[in-house]
Amino acid sequence: MFWGRYERSVDPKGRLALPSKLLESIPLQADRSVFCLSRGHDQCLNMYTEREWNAVVKSLLEAAAAAPAESVLIRNRLLSSSVNTVSVDAQARILLQPEIRKYAEIATDVVIIGNINVIEIWDKAKWDAFEAKHSKTFDQIDNEIAKYMAARVSSNPGPSNTTP
């Protein structure tokens, strides 16, 4: 599980030092040296462990059965064509290829966000704008999600804890 906000800079060669706290949060049995990097929502980059990336692929394949075929094809093409495998070097850096930096409009300053099962890499100005826009409505969004979750639980009750 990933969490936290970290500011970093991309060096002139396109390398980005990863926060040690994020790397340390990866289970020991997982490979901490290789990640899958893809385009994310709102022009950020998503960085997954190999295990999490495999879960993403599985969910994409499952969603394909329910979504319109053309939408699935477009999404899968754009997402799959953006995926890079990145290796962590001895200084805990990854190389951000020019194409993926261009998509996210990353020049130098970035914000790295731990977002539960994915690490997001944002251009700092884009993150600041996203945060400013959505921080104002956080409580409203959080309440909407809580209502949805409560409705979902009540429509799918689990085993009863009552005794006969």
Protein backbone atom coordinates (compact mmCIF):
# COMPACT_ATOMS: atom_id res chain seq x y z
CA MET A 1 0.00 0.00 0.00
CA PHE A 2 1.28 3.41 -0.95
CA TRP A 3 0.55 6.76 0.62
CA GLY A 4 2.12 10.17 1.05
CA ARG A 5 3.19 13.13 -1.07
CA TYR A 6 6.79 13.68 -2.09
CA GLU A 7 8.37 16.44 -4.16
CA ARG A 8 11.27 15.54 -6.42
CA SER A 9 13.06 16.79 -9.53
CA VAL A 10 13.77 15.00 -12.78
CA ASP A 11 17.44 15.33 -13.67
CA PRO A 12 18.63 16.42 -17.16
CA LYS A 13 18.91 12.74 -18.20
CA GLY A 14 15.26 12.08 -17.32
CA ARG A 15 15.96 10.19 -14.09
CA LEU A 16 13.68 10.47 -11.08
CA ALA A 17 14.69 9.46 -7.56
CA LEU A 18 11.93 7.49 -5.84
CA PRO A 19 11.13 8.11 -2.18
CA SER A 20 12.58 5.35 -0.01
CA LYS A 21 9.35 5.20 2.03
CA LEU A 22 7.42 4.14 -1.06
CA LEU A 23 9.94 1.48 -2.01
CA GLU A 24 10.04 0.18 1.56
CA SER A 25 6.27 -0.25 1.59
CA ILE A 26 6.46 -2.92 -1.13
CA PRO A 27 6.27 -6.41 0.39
CA LEU A 28 9.63 -8.17 0.64
CA GLN A 29 8.49 -11.03 -1.59
CA ALA A 30 7.73 -8.58 -4.41
CA ASP A 31 10.31 -7.28 -6.85
CA ARG A 32 11.23 -3.76 -5.75
CA SER A 33 13.47 -3.13 -8.73
CA VAL A 34 11.04 -3.30 -11.68
CA PHE A 35 7.80 -1.40 -12.21
CA CYS A 36 5.27 -0.85 -14.98
CA LEU A 37 4.81 2.81 -15.84
CA SER A 38 1.78 3.95 -17.84
CA ARG A 39 -0.32 6.96 -18.61
CA GLY A 40 -2.80 7.77 -15.88
CA HIS A 41 -5.88 9.93 -15.48
CA ASP A 42 -5.58 13.72 -15.48
CA GLN A 43 -2.22 13.53 -17.29
CA CYS A 44 -0.32 11.90 -14.46
CA LEU A 45 1.80 8.76 -14.75
CA ASN A 46 0.85 5.55 -12.96
CA MET A 47 3.59 3.30 -11.63
CA TYR A 48 2.61 -0.23 -10.61
CA THR A 49 4.43 -3.18 -9.12
CA GLU A 50 4.33 -6.12 -11.51
CA ARG A 51 1.71 -7.82 -9.31
CA GLU A 52 -0.54 -4.74 -9.33
CA TRP A 53 -0.10 -4.30 -13.08
CA ASN A 54 -1.24 -7.90 -13.61
CA ALA A 55 -4.34 -7.11 -11.50
CA VAL A 56 -5.00 -4.03 -13.66
CA VAL A 57 -4.77 -6.12 -16.82
CA LYS A 58 -7.15 -8.70 -15.36
CA SER A 59 -9.70 -6.01 -14.46
CA LEU A 60 -9.37 -4.48 -17.94
CA LEU A 61 -10.12 -7.84 -19.52
CA GLU A 62 -13.12 -8.37 -17.22
CA ALA A 63 -14.47 -4.88 -17.94
CA ALA A 64 -14.13 -5.49 -21.68
CA ALA A 65 -17.07 -7.91 -21.54
CA ALA A 66 -19.44 -5.21 -20.24
CA ALA A 67 -18.21 -2.07 -22.02
CA PRO A 68 -18.79 -0.95 -25.61
CA ALA A 69 -16.28 -2.70 -27.88
CA GLU A 70 -14.99 0.47 -29.54
CA SER A 71 -14.37 2.17 -26.18
CA VAL A 72 -12.50 -0.88 -24.90
CA LEU A 73 -10.36 -1.01 -28.03
CA ILE A 74 -9.45 2.68 -27.86
CA ARG A 75 -8.68 2.56 -24.12
CA ASN A 76 -6.62 -0.62 -24.41
CA ARG A 77 -4.61 0.70 -27.36
CA LEU A 78 -3.81 4.02 -25.70
CA LEU A 79 -3.03 2.47 -22.34
CA SER A 80 -1.03 -0.52 -23.60
CA SER A 81 1.02 1.55 -26.01
CA SER A 82 2.09 3.81 -23.14
CA VAL A 83 3.34 1.08 -20.80
CA ASN A 84 7.07 0.96 -20.10
CA THR A 85 8.89 -1.38 -17.79
CA VAL A 86 11.24 0.69 -15.66
CA SER A 87 14.09 -0.54 -13.49
CA VAL A 88 15.20 1.05 -10.26
CA ASP A 89 18.94 1.74 -10.25
CA ALA A 90 21.31 1.59 -7.26
CA GLN A 91 20.40 5.19 -6.32
CA ALA A 92 16.65 4.34 -6.32
CA ARG A 93 16.05 6.22 -9.60
CA ILE A 94 13.92 5.35 -12.60
CA LEU A 95 14.28 6.67 -16.13
CA LEU A 96 11.25 8.51 -17.47
CA GLN A 97 11.33 8.13 -21.25
CA PRO A 98 10.74 11.31 -23.29
CA GLU A 99 7.40 10.06 -24.72
CA ILE A 100 5.86 9.43 -21.30
CA ARG A 101 7.23 12.73 -19.94
CA LYS A 102 5.65 14.49 -22.89
CA TYR A 103 2.24 12.92 -22.16
CA ALA A 104 2.39 14.10 -18.52
CA GLU A 105 4.03 17.42 -19.46
CA ILE A 106 6.81 16.74 -16.97
CA ALA A 107 9.83 18.99 -17.29
CA THR A 108 11.65 19.11 -13.96
CA ASP A 109 9.56 19.45 -10.80
CA VAL A 110 7.27 16.54 -9.92
CA VAL A 111 5.05 15.40 -7.10
CA ILE A 112 4.93 11.68 -6.35
CA ILE A 113 1.71 10.50 -4.72
CA GLY A 114 1.17 7.17 -3.01
CA ASN A 115 -2.39 6.29 -4.04
CA ILE A 116 -3.14 2.99 -2.28
CA ASN A 117 -2.19 0.44 -4.98
CA VAL A 118 -0.44 2.75 -7.43
CA ILE A 119 2.25 5.41 -7.34
CA GLU A 120 1.28 8.51 -9.29
CA ILE A 121 3.86 10.87 -10.77
CA TRP A 122 2.60 14.38 -11.53
CA ASP A 123 4.05 17.52 -13.01
CA LYS A 124 4.13 19.76 -9.93
CA ALA A 125 2.04 22.57 -11.48
CA LYS A 126 -0.60 20.06 -12.64
CA TRP A 127 -0.77 18.47 -9.17
CA ASP A 128 -1.04 21.87 -7.49
CA ALA A 129 -3.95 22.78 -9.80
CA PHE A 130 -5.66 19.40 -9.24
CA GLU A 131 -5.25 19.67 -5.48
CA ALA A 132 -6.53 23.27 -5.38
CA LYS A 133 -9.58 22.39 -7.46
CA HIS A 134 -10.58 19.21 -5.61
CA SER A 135 -9.55 20.05 -2.05
CA LYS A 136 -12.54 22.39 -1.85
CA THR A 137 -14.97 19.53 -2.50
CA PHE A 138 -13.19 16.73 -0.62
CA ASP A 139 -15.80 16.47 2.15
CA GLN A 140 -18.65 16.33 -0.37
CA ILE A 141 -16.88 13.66 -2.44
CA ASP A 142 -16.00 11.65 0.67
CA ASN A 143 -19.65 11.75 1.84
CA GLU A 144 -20.89 10.62 -1.60
CA ILE A 145 -18.53 7.64 -1.54
CA ALA A 146 -19.57 6.76 2.03
CA LYS A 147 -23.24 6.76 0.97
CA TYR A 148 -22.47 4.56 -2.03
CA MET A 149 -20.53 2.12 0.13
CA ALA A 150 -23.29 2.00 2.76
CA ALA A 151 -25.91 1.32 0.07
CA ARG A 152 -23.73 -1.38 -1.43
CA VAL A 153 -23.25 -3.09 1.94
CA SER A 154 -26.97 -2.95 2.73
CA SER A 155 -27.84 -4.48 -0.68
CA ASN A 156 -25.31 -7.29 -0.18
CA PRO A 157 -25.64 -8.30 3.45
CA GLY A 158 -23.09 -10.78 4.64
CA PRO A 159 -23.64 -13.67 6.99
CA SER A 160 -25.66 -12.77 10.04
CA ASN A 161 -23.96 -12.73 13.43
CA THR A 162 -27.17 -13.58 15.26
CA THR A 163 -27.57 -16.93 16.95
CA PRO A 164 -30.74 -19.04 16.56
